[in-house]
PDB file of all heavy atoms in Angstrom:
ATOM      1  N   GLN A   1       6.291  10.577  -7.030  1.00  0.00           N
ATOM      2  CA  GLN A   1       7.319   9.791  -7.714  1.00  0.00           C
ATOM      3  C   GLN A   1       6.978   9.626  -9.193  1.00  0.00           C
ATOM      4  O   GLN A   1       7.845   9.744 -10.060  1.00  0.00           O
ATOM      5  CB  GLN A   1       7.509   8.444  -7.034  1.00  0.00           C
ATOM      6  CG  GLN A   1       8.184   8.552  -5.686  1.00  0.00           C
ATOM      7  CD  GLN A   1       8.168   7.234  -4.920  1.00  0.00           C
ATOM      8  OE1 GLN A   1       7.650   6.230  -5.382  1.00  0.00           O
ATOM      9  NE2 GLN A   1       8.741   7.259  -3.732  1.00  0.00           N
ATOM     10  N   ALA A   2       5.708   9.348  -9.493  1.00  0.00           N
ATOM     11  CA  ALA A   2       5.284   9.209 -10.892  1.00  0.00           C
ATOM     12  C   ALA A   2       5.461  10.522 -11.641  1.00  0.00           C
ATOM     13  O   ALA A   2       5.950  10.545 -12.775  1.00  0.00           O
ATOM     14  CB  ALA A   2       3.833   8.736 -10.951  1.00  0.00           C
ATOM     15  N   ALA A   3       5.080  11.631 -11.013  1.00  0.00           N
ATOM     16  CA  ALA A   3       5.221  12.941 -11.660  1.00  0.00           C
ATOM     17  C   ALA A   3       6.689  13.282 -11.872  1.00  0.00           C
ATOM     18  O   ALA A   3       7.074  13.782 -12.931  1.00  0.00           O
ATOM     19  CB  ALA A   3       4.532  14.008 -10.819  1.00  0.00           C
ATOM     20  N   LEU A   4       7.511  13.013 -10.868  1.00  0.00           N
ATOM     21  CA  LEU A   4       8.930  13.346 -10.967  1.00  0.00           C
ATOM     22  C   LEU A   4       9.650  12.510 -12.016  1.00  0.00           C
ATOM     23  O   LEU A   4      10.641  12.958 -12.588  1.00  0.00           O
ATOM     24  CB  LEU A   4       9.608  13.196  -9.603  1.00  0.00           C
ATOM     25  CG  LEU A   4       9.112  14.161  -8.520  1.00  0.00           C
ATOM     26  CD1 LEU A   4       9.854  13.915  -7.210  1.00  0.00           C
ATOM     27  CD2 LEU A   4       9.250  15.604  -8.953  1.00  0.00           C
ATOM     28  N   ARG A   5       9.161  11.318 -12.294  1.00  0.00           N
ATOM     29  CA  ARG A   5       9.755  10.492 -13.370  1.00  0.00           C
ATOM     30  C   ARG A   5       9.469  11.099 -14.737  1.00  0.00           C
ATOM     31  O   ARG A   5      10.242  10.907 -15.672  1.00  0.00           O
ATOM     32  CB  ARG A   5       9.217   9.064 -13.313  1.00  0.00           C
ATOM     33  CG  ARG A   5       9.842   8.215 -12.246  1.00  0.00           C
ATOM     34  CD  ARG A   5       9.500   6.738 -12.440  1.00  0.00           C
ATOM     35  NE  ARG A   5       8.072   6.474 -12.423  1.00  0.00           N
ATOM     36  CZ  ARG A   5       7.359   6.178 -11.340  1.00  0.00           C
ATOM     37  NH1 ARG A   5       7.950   6.111 -10.165  1.00  0.00           N
ATOM     38  NH2 ARG A   5       6.067   5.940 -11.423  1.00  0.00           N
ATOM     39  N   GLN A   6       8.375  11.826 -14.870  1.00  0.00           N
ATOM     40  CA  GLN A   6       7.990  12.406 -16.162  1.00  0.00           C
ATOM     41  C   GLN A   6       8.749  13.683 -16.492  1.00  0.00           C
ATOM     42  O   GLN A   6       8.901  14.022 -17.655  1.00  0.00           O
ATOM     43  CB  GLN A   6       6.491  12.715 -16.174  1.00  0.00           C
ATOM     44  CG  GLN A   6       5.613  11.508 -16.095  1.00  0.00           C
ATOM     45  CD  GLN A   6       4.137  11.880 -16.006  1.00  0.00           C
ATOM     46  OE1 GLN A   6       3.775  13.048 -15.971  1.00  0.00           O
ATOM     47  NE2 GLN A   6       3.289  10.874 -15.967  1.00  0.00           N
ATOM     48  N   LEU A   7       9.222  14.399 -15.486  1.00  0.00           N
ATOM     49  CA  LEU A   7       9.786  15.725 -15.719  1.00  0.00           C
ATOM     50  C   LEU A   7      11.213  15.752 -16.272  1.00  0.00           C
ATOM     51  O   LEU A   7      11.486  16.544 -17.171  1.00  0.00           O
ATOM     52  CB  LEU A   7       9.673  16.557 -14.448  1.00  0.00           C
ATOM     53  CG  LEU A   7       8.231  16.896 -14.039  1.00  0.00           C
ATOM     54  CD1 LEU A   7       8.208  17.580 -12.683  1.00  0.00           C
ATOM     55  CD2 LEU A   7       7.551  17.748 -15.089  1.00  0.00           C
ATOM     56  N   PRO A   8      12.161  14.937 -15.773  1.00  0.00           N
ATOM     57  CA  PRO A   8      13.522  15.024 -16.324  1.00  0.00           C
ATOM     58  C   PRO A   8      13.608  14.790 -17.830  1.00  0.00           C
ATOM     59  O   PRO A   8      14.351  15.519 -18.509  1.00  0.00           O
ATOM     60  CB  PRO A   8      14.294  13.960 -15.534  1.00  0.00           C
ATOM     61  CG  PRO A   8      13.561  13.886 -14.236  1.00  0.00           C
ATOM     62  CD  PRO A   8      12.106  14.066 -14.612  1.00  0.00           C
ATOM     63  N   PRO A   9      12.866  13.841 -18.416  1.00  0.00           N
ATOM     64  CA  PRO A   9      12.945  13.692 -19.870  1.00  0.00           C
ATOM     65  C   PRO A   9      12.468  14.931 -20.635  1.00  0.00           C
ATOM     66  O   PRO A   9      12.785  15.105 -21.805  1.00  0.00           O
ATOM     67  CB  PRO A   9      12.030  12.491 -20.169  1.00  0.00           C
ATOM     68  CG  PRO A   9      11.948  11.732 -18.899  1.00  0.00           C
ATOM     69  CD  PRO A   9      12.059  12.772 -17.812  1.00  0.00           C
ATOM     70  N   GLN A  10      11.724  15.796 -19.958  1.00  0.00           N
ATOM     71  CA  GLN A  10      11.254  17.032 -20.568  1.00  0.00           C
ATOM     72  C   GLN A  10      12.234  18.183 -20.339  1.00  0.00           C
ATOM     73  O   GLN A  10      11.951  19.320 -20.679  1.00  0.00           O
ATOM     74  CB  GLN A  10       9.884  17.411 -19.990  1.00  0.00           C
ATOM     75  CG  GLN A  10       8.807  16.394 -20.241  1.00  0.00           C
ATOM     76  CD  GLN A  10       7.534  16.715 -19.471  1.00  0.00           C
ATOM     77  OE1 GLN A  10       7.318  17.833 -19.019  1.00  0.00           O
ATOM     78  NE2 GLN A  10       6.698  15.711 -19.312  1.00  0.00           N
ATOM     79  N   GLY A  11      13.372  17.890 -19.715  1.00  0.00           N
ATOM     80  CA  GLY A  11      14.395  18.905 -19.503  1.00  0.00           C
ATOM     81  C   GLY A  11      14.375  19.572 -18.137  1.00  0.00           C
ATOM     82  O   GLY A  11      15.114  20.520 -17.908  1.00  0.00           O
ATOM     83  N   TRP A  12      13.563  19.090 -17.213  1.00  0.00           N
ATOM     84  CA  TRP A  12      13.486  19.683 -15.886  1.00  0.00           C
ATOM     85  C   TRP A  12      14.534  19.097 -14.958  1.00  0.00           C
ATOM     86  O   TRP A  12      14.812  17.908 -15.002  1.00  0.00           O
ATOM     87  CB  TRP A  12      12.108  19.441 -15.268  1.00  0.00           C
ATOM     88  CG  TRP A  12      11.021  20.213 -15.930  1.00  0.00           C
ATOM     89  CD1 TRP A  12      10.170  19.764 -16.888  1.00  0.00           C
ATOM     90  CD2 TRP A  12      10.696  21.569 -15.711  1.00  0.00           C
ATOM     91  NE1 TRP A  12       9.323  20.757 -17.272  1.00  0.00           N
ATOM     92  CE2 TRP A  12       9.621  21.886 -16.562  1.00  0.00           C
ATOM     93  CE3 TRP A  12      11.200  22.557 -14.881  1.00  0.00           C
ATOM     94  CZ2 TRP A  12       9.050  23.149 -16.599  1.00  0.00           C
ATOM     95  CZ3 TRP A  12      10.626  23.807 -14.910  1.00  0.00           C
ATOM     96  CH2 TRP A  12       9.566  24.092 -15.770  1.00  0.00           C
ATOM     97  N   LEU A  13      15.094  19.928 -14.120  1.00  0.00           N
ATOM     98  CA  LEU A  13      15.941  19.493 -13.013  1.00  0.00           C
ATOM     99  C   LEU A  13      14.995  19.243 -11.842  1.00  0.00           C
ATOM    100  O   LEU A  13      14.242  20.140 -11.452  1.00  0.00           O
ATOM    101  CB  LEU A  13      16.960  20.577 -12.658  1.00  0.00           C
ATOM    102  CG  LEU A  13      17.868  20.302 -11.464  1.00  0.00           C
ATOM    103  CD1 LEU A  13      18.724  19.071 -11.717  1.00  0.00           C
ATOM    104  CD2 LEU A  13      18.730  21.513 -11.182  1.00  0.00           C
ATOM    105  N   VAL A  14      15.007  18.036 -11.326  1.00  0.00           N
ATOM    106  CA  VAL A  14      14.011  17.638 -10.335  1.00  0.00           C
ATOM    107  C   VAL A  14      14.680  17.208  -9.046  1.00  0.00           C
ATOM    108  O   VAL A  14      15.691  16.503  -9.055  1.00  0.00           O
ATOM    109  CB  VAL A  14      13.162  16.469 -10.889  1.00  0.00           C
ATOM    110  CG1 VAL A  14      12.214  15.940  -9.842  1.00  0.00           C
ATOM    111  CG2 VAL A  14      12.401  16.914 -12.126  1.00  0.00           C
ATOM    112  N   GLY A  15      14.107  17.634  -7.936  1.00  0.00           N
ATOM    113  CA  GLY A  15      14.552  17.198  -6.623  1.00  0.00           C
ATOM    114  C   GLY A  15      13.341  16.963  -5.747  1.00  0.00           C
ATOM    115  O   GLY A  15      12.262  17.492  -6.005  1.00  0.00           O
ATOM    116  N   SER A  16      13.521  16.155  -4.731  1.00  0.00           N
ATOM    117  CA  SER A  16      12.418  15.932  -3.792  1.00  0.00           C
ATOM    118  C   SER A  16      12.984  15.639  -2.415  1.00  0.00           C
ATOM    119  O   SER A  16      14.129  15.216  -2.275  1.00  0.00           O
ATOM    120  CB  SER A  16      11.525  14.774  -4.256  1.00  0.00           C
ATOM    121  OG  SER A  16      12.230  13.554  -4.217  1.00  0.00           O
ATOM    122  N   GLY A  17      12.169  15.868  -1.420  1.00  0.00           N
ATOM    123  CA  GLY A  17      12.548  15.597  -0.043  1.00  0.00           C
ATOM    124  C   GLY A  17      11.301  15.304   0.762  1.00  0.00           C
ATOM    125  O   GLY A  17      10.191  15.606   0.332  1.00  0.00           O
ATOM    126  N   GLN A  18      11.486  14.687   1.897  1.00  0.00           N
ATOM    127  CA  GLN A  18      10.355  14.347   2.747  1.00  0.00           C
ATOM    128  C   GLN A  18      10.610  14.831   4.164  1.00  0.00           C
ATOM    129  O   GLN A  18      11.754  14.908   4.606  1.00  0.00           O
ATOM    130  CB  GLN A  18      10.126  12.844   2.771  1.00  0.00           C
ATOM    131  CG  GLN A  18       9.712  12.286   1.437  1.00  0.00           C
ATOM    132  CD  GLN A  18       9.421  10.797   1.505  1.00  0.00           C
ATOM    133  OE1 GLN A  18       9.941  10.088   2.351  1.00  0.00           O
ATOM    134  NE2 GLN A  18       8.582  10.338   0.605  1.00  0.00           N
ATOM    135  N   CYS A  19       9.538  15.130   4.853  1.00  0.00           N
ATOM    136  CA  CYS A  19       9.615  15.509   6.254  1.00  0.00           C
ATOM    137  C   CYS A  19       9.110  14.343   7.091  1.00  0.00           C
ATOM    138  O   CYS A  19       7.988  13.885   6.879  1.00  0.00           O
ATOM    139  CB  CYS A  19       8.753  16.742   6.534  1.00  0.00           C
ATOM    140  SG  CYS A  19       9.381  18.226   5.752  1.00  0.00           S
ATOM    141  N   PRO A  20       9.936  13.839   7.993  1.00  0.00           N
ATOM    142  CA  PRO A  20       9.481  12.717   8.823  1.00  0.00           C
ATOM    143  C   PRO A  20       8.368  13.155   9.760  1.00  0.00           C
ATOM    144  O   PRO A  20       8.320  14.304  10.192  1.00  0.00           O
ATOM    145  CB  PRO A  20      10.735  12.319   9.603  1.00  0.00           C
ATOM    146  CG  PRO A  20      11.605  13.521   9.575  1.00  0.00           C
ATOM    147  CD  PRO A  20      11.274  14.274   8.318  1.00  0.00           C
ATOM    148  N   GLU A  21       7.477  12.228  10.025  1.00  0.00           N
ATOM    149  CA  GLU A  21       6.364  12.520  10.931  1.00  0.00           C
ATOM    150  C   GLU A  21       6.746  12.107  12.343  1.00  0.00           C
ATOM    151  O   GLU A  21       6.148  11.217  12.929  1.00  0.00           O
ATOM    152  CB  GLU A  21       5.110  11.784  10.462  1.00  0.00           C
ATOM    153  CG  GLU A  21       4.614  12.273   9.122  1.00  0.00           C
ATOM    154  CD  GLU A  21       3.320  11.617   8.698  1.00  0.00           C
ATOM    155  OE1 GLU A  21       2.550  11.175   9.564  1.00  0.00           O
ATOM    156  OE2 GLU A  21       3.093  11.548   7.485  1.00  0.00           O
ATOM    157  N   THR A  22       7.782  12.757  12.867  1.00  0.00           N
ATOM    158  CA  THR A  22       8.234  12.459  14.219  1.00  0.00           C
ATOM    159  C   THR A  22       8.354  13.756  15.004  1.00  0.00           C
ATOM    160  O   THR A  22       8.629  14.814  14.436  1.00  0.00           O
ATOM    161  CB  THR A  22       9.606  11.757  14.218  1.00  0.00           C
ATOM    162  OG1 THR A  22      10.550  12.597  13.541  1.00  0.00           O
ATOM    163  CG2 THR A  22       9.547  10.409  13.514  1.00  0.00           C
ATOM    164  N   ASP A  23       8.142  13.661  16.284  1.00  0.00           N
ATOM    165  CA  ASP A  23       8.298  14.839  17.137  1.00  0.00           C
ATOM    166  C   ASP A  23       9.754  15.288  17.110  1.00  0.00           C
ATOM    167  O   ASP A  23      10.669  14.465  17.127  1.00  0.00           O
ATOM    168  CB  ASP A  23       7.891  14.516  18.572  1.00  0.00           C
ATOM    169  CG  ASP A  23       6.391  14.313  18.719  1.00  0.00           C
ATOM    170  OD1 ASP A  23       5.649  14.835  17.863  1.00  0.00           O
ATOM    171  OD2 ASP A  23       5.978  13.627  19.671  1.00  0.00           O
ATOM    172  N   GLY A  24       9.960  16.577  17.029  1.00  0.00           N
ATOM    173  CA  GLY A  24      11.299  17.129  17.062  1.00  0.00           C
ATOM    174  C   GLY A  24      11.980  17.215  15.711  1.00  0.00           C
ATOM    175  O   GLY A  24      13.094  17.709  15.613  1.00  0.00           O
ATOM    176  N   ALA A  25      11.333  16.722  14.653  1.00  0.00           N
ATOM    177  CA  ALA A  25      11.937  16.823  13.321  1.00  0.00           C
ATOM    178  C   ALA A  25      11.949  18.292  12.904  1.00  0.00           C
ATOM    179  O   ALA A  25      10.948  18.989  13.057  1.00  0.00           O
ATOM    180  CB  ALA A  25      11.148  15.995  12.315  1.00  0.00           C
ATOM    181  N   PRO A  26      13.072  18.771  12.411  1.00  0.00           N
ATOM    182  CA  PRO A  26      13.147  20.184  12.031  1.00  0.00           C
ATOM    183  C   PRO A  26      12.247  20.474  10.832  1.00  0.00           C
ATOM    184  O   PRO A  26      12.095  19.640   9.948  1.00  0.00           O
ATOM    185  CB  PRO A  26      14.621  20.391  11.685  1.00  0.00           C
ATOM    186  CG  PRO A  26      15.153  19.037  11.420  1.00  0.00           C
ATOM    187  CD  PRO A  26      14.325  18.070  12.191  1.00  0.00           C
ATOM    188  N   PRO A  27      11.646  21.657  10.784  1.00  0.00           N
ATOM    189  CA  PRO A  27      10.709  21.976   9.709  1.00  0.00           C
ATOM    190  C   PRO A  27      11.341  21.986   8.325  1.00  0.00           C
ATOM    191  O   PRO A  27      10.675  21.743   7.350  1.00  0.00           O
ATOM    192  CB  PRO A  27      10.164  23.354  10.089  1.00  0.00           C
ATOM    193  CG  PRO A  27      11.049  23.876  11.148  1.00  0.00           C
ATOM    194  CD  PRO A  27      11.773  22.719  11.766  1.00  0.00           C
ATOM    195  N   GLY A  28      12.617  22.234   8.219  1.00  0.00           N
ATOM    196  CA  GLY A  28      13.285  22.256   6.921  1.00  0.00           C
ATOM    197  C   GLY A  28      13.939  20.940   6.553  1.00  0.00           C
ATOM    198  O   GLY A  28      14.786  20.891   5.662  1.00  0.00           O
ATOM    199  N   ARG A  29      13.569  19.871   7.212  1.00  0.00           N
ATOM    200  CA  ARG A  29      14.219  18.573   7.016  1.00  0.00           C
ATOM    201  C   ARG A  29      14.224  18.128   5.558  1.00  0.00           C
ATOM    202  O   ARG A  29      15.174  17.498   5.096  1.00  0.00           O
ATOM    203  CB  ARG A  29      13.530  17.514   7.903  1.00  0.00           C
ATOM    204  CG  ARG A  29      14.027  16.097   7.711  1.00  0.00           C
ATOM    205  CD  ARG A  29      15.492  15.973   8.109  1.00  0.00           C
ATOM    206  NE  ARG A  29      15.954  14.615   7.966  1.00  0.00           N
ATOM    207  CZ  ARG A  29      16.594  14.134   6.919  1.00  0.00           C
ATOM    208  NH1 ARG A  29      16.840  14.906   5.902  1.00  0.00           N
ATOM    209  NH2 ARG A  29      17.005  12.898   6.878  1.00  0.00           N
ATOM    210  N   ALA A  30      13.197  18.442   4.793  1.00  0.00           N
ATOM    211  CA  ALA A  30      13.126  18.012   3.392  1.00  0.00           C
ATOM    212  C   ALA A  30      14.306  18.529   2.576  1.00  0.00           C
ATOM    213  O   ALA A  30      14.753  17.875   1.628  1.00  0.00           O
ATOM    214  CB  ALA A  30      11.816  18.475   2.770  1.00  0.00           C
ATOM    215  N   TRP A  31      14.848  19.678   2.952  1.00  0.00           N
ATOM    216  CA  TRP A  31      15.987  20.230   2.215  1.00  0.00           C
ATOM    217  C   TRP A  31      17.215  19.334   2.330  1.00  0.00           C
ATOM    218  O   TRP A  31      18.045  19.292   1.426  1.00  0.00           O
ATOM    219  CB  TRP A  31      16.305  21.642   2.701  1.00  0.00           C
ATOM    220  CG  TRP A  31      15.246  22.604   2.281  1.00  0.00           C
ATOM    221  CD1 TRP A  31      14.228  23.085   3.048  1.00  0.00           C
ATOM    222  CD2 TRP A  31      15.076  23.168   0.982  1.00  0.00           C
ATOM    223  NE1 TRP A  31      13.439  23.920   2.300  1.00  0.00           N
ATOM    224  CE2 TRP A  31      13.940  23.987   1.033  1.00  0.00           C
ATOM    225  CE3 TRP A  31      15.769  23.054  -0.215  1.00  0.00           C
ATOM    226  CZ2 TRP A  31      13.479  24.694  -0.076  1.00  0.00           C
ATOM    227  CZ3 TRP A  31      15.312  23.762  -1.315  1.00  0.00           C
ATOM    228  CH2 TRP A  31      14.190  24.564  -1.235  1.00  0.00           C
ATOM    229  N   PHE A  32      17.349  18.619   3.442  1.00  0.00           N
ATOM    230  CA  PHE A  32      18.484  17.709   3.591  1.00  0.00           C
ATOM    231  C   PHE A  32      18.391  16.540   2.622  1.00  0.00           C
ATOM    232  O   PHE A  32      19.391  15.951   2.254  1.00  0.00           O
ATOM    233  CB  PHE A  32      18.594  17.204   5.034  1.00  0.00           C
ATOM    234  CG  PHE A  32      19.145  18.235   5.978  1.00  0.00           C
ATOM    235  CD1 PHE A  32      18.300  19.009   6.739  1.00  0.00           C
ATOM    236  CD2 PHE A  32      20.513  18.437   6.081  1.00  0.00           C
ATOM    237  CE1 PHE A  32      18.801  19.978   7.595  1.00  0.00           C
ATOM    238  CE2 PHE A  32      21.029  19.397   6.933  1.00  0.00           C
ATOM    239  CZ  PHE A  32      20.166  20.175   7.689  1.00  0.00           C
ATOM    240  N   ASP A  33      17.184  16.169   2.227  1.00  0.00           N
ATOM    241  CA  ASP A  33      16.992  15.144   1.203  1.00  0.00           C
ATOM    242  C   ASP A  33      17.195  15.736  -0.189  1.00  0.00           C
ATOM    243  O   ASP A  33      17.783  15.108  -1.066  1.00  0.00           O
ATOM    244  CB  ASP A  33      15.571  14.563   1.263  1.00  0.00           C
ATOM    245  CG  ASP A  33      15.292  13.759   2.510  1.00  0.00           C
ATOM    246  OD1 ASP A  33      16.253  13.316   3.171  1.00  0.00           O
ATOM    247  OD2 ASP A  33      14.104  13.560   2.816  1.00  0.00           O
ATOM    248  N   LEU A  34      16.690  16.923  -0.384  1.00  0.00           N
ATOM    249  CA  LEU A  34      16.630  17.549  -1.690  1.00  0.00           C
ATOM    250  C   LEU A  34      17.968  18.029  -2.236  1.00  0.00           C
ATOM    251  O   LEU A  34      18.332  17.749  -3.374  1.00  0.00           O
ATOM    252  CB  LEU A  34      15.657  18.737  -1.611  1.00  0.00           C
ATOM    253  CG  LEU A  34      15.509  19.604  -2.837  1.00  0.00           C
ATOM    254  CD1 LEU A  34      14.515  18.978  -3.789  1.00  0.00           C
ATOM    255  CD2 LEU A  34      15.047  20.988  -2.433  1.00  0.00           C
ATOM    256  N   LEU A  35      18.713  18.753  -1.432  1.00  0.00           N
ATOM    257  CA  LEU A  35      19.903  19.453  -1.928  1.00  0.00           C
ATOM    258  C   LEU A  35      21.037  18.559  -2.427  1.00  0.00           C
ATOM    259  O   LEU A  35      21.617  18.853  -3.469  1.00  0.00           O
ATOM    260  CB  LEU A  35      20.406  20.434  -0.873  1.00  0.00           C
ATOM    261  CG  LEU A  35      19.479  21.622  -0.629  1.00  0.00           C
ATOM    262  CD1 LEU A  35      19.992  22.471   0.527  1.00  0.00           C
ATOM    263  CD2 LEU A  35      19.309  22.454  -1.876  1.00  0.00           C
ATOM    264  N   PRO A  36      21.398  17.468  -1.740  1.00  0.00           N
ATOM    265  CA  PRO A  36      22.507  16.662  -2.254  1.00  0.00           C
ATOM    266  C   PRO A  36      22.260  16.114  -3.659  1.00  0.00           C
ATOM    267  O   PRO A  36      23.153  16.136  -4.505  1.00  0.00           O
ATOM    268  CB  PRO A  36      22.646  15.539  -1.226  1.00  0.00           C
ATOM    269  CG  PRO A  36      22.119  16.135   0.042  1.00  0.00           C
ATOM    270  CD  PRO A  36      20.975  17.013  -0.400  1.00  0.00           C
ATOM    271  N   GLY A  37      21.064  15.647  -3.930  1.00  0.00           N
ATOM    272  CA  GLY A  37      20.748  15.129  -5.262  1.00  0.00           C
ATOM    273  C   GLY A  37      20.792  16.208  -6.321  1.00  0.00           C
ATOM    274  O   GLY A  37      21.290  15.990  -7.431  1.00  0.00           O
ATOM    275  N   LEU A  38      20.275  17.381  -5.992  1.00  0.00           N
ATOM    276  CA  LEU A  38      20.336  18.485  -6.948  1.00  0.00           C
ATOM    277  C   LEU A  38      21.775  18.898  -7.233  1.00  0.00           C
ATOM    278  O   LEU A  38      22.126  19.212  -8.363  1.00  0.00           O
ATOM    279  CB  LEU A  38      19.554  19.693  -6.423  1.00  0.00           C
ATOM    280  CG  LEU A  38      18.038  19.594  -6.454  1.00  0.00           C
ATOM    281  CD1 LEU A  38      17.415  20.863  -5.884  1.00  0.00           C
ATOM    282  CD2 LEU A  38      17.524  19.335  -7.851  1.00  0.00           C
ATOM    283  N   ALA A  39      22.614  18.871  -6.200  1.00  0.00           N
ATOM    284  CA  ALA A  39      24.014  19.257  -6.379  1.00  0.00           C
ATOM    285  C   ALA A  39      24.759  18.266  -7.274  1.00  0.00           C
ATOM    286  O   ALA A  39      25.723  18.641  -7.935  1.00  0.00           O
ATOM    287  CB  ALA A  39      24.705  19.383  -5.033  1.00  0.00           C
ATOM    288  N   GLU A  40      24.314  17.024  -7.290  1.00  0.00           N
ATOM    289  CA  GLU A  40      24.932  16.049  -8.202  1.00  0.00           C
ATOM    290  C   GLU A  40      24.604  16.400  -9.653  1.00  0.00           C
ATOM    291  O   GLU A  40      25.453  16.285 -10.530  1.00  0.00           O
ATOM    292  CB  GLU A  40      24.440  14.640  -7.891  1.00  0.00           C
ATOM    293  CG  GLU A  40      25.014  14.057  -6.633  1.00  0.00           C
ATOM    294  CD  GLU A  40      24.488  12.661  -6.364  1.00  0.00           C
ATOM    295  OE1 GLU A  40      24.002  12.005  -7.311  1.00  0.00           O
ATOM    296  OE2 GLU A  40      24.562  12.241  -5.200  1.00  0.00           O
TER     297      GLU A  40
END
């Protein structure tokens, strides 16, 4: 979070996502967090 706060003022497009630590969570789950924000 600290690193990602530093990058946009430098002109970077930044996205992030997390993978839940639960059984059955799909391996690409972070993309569901990441993509909507980037699309905005």
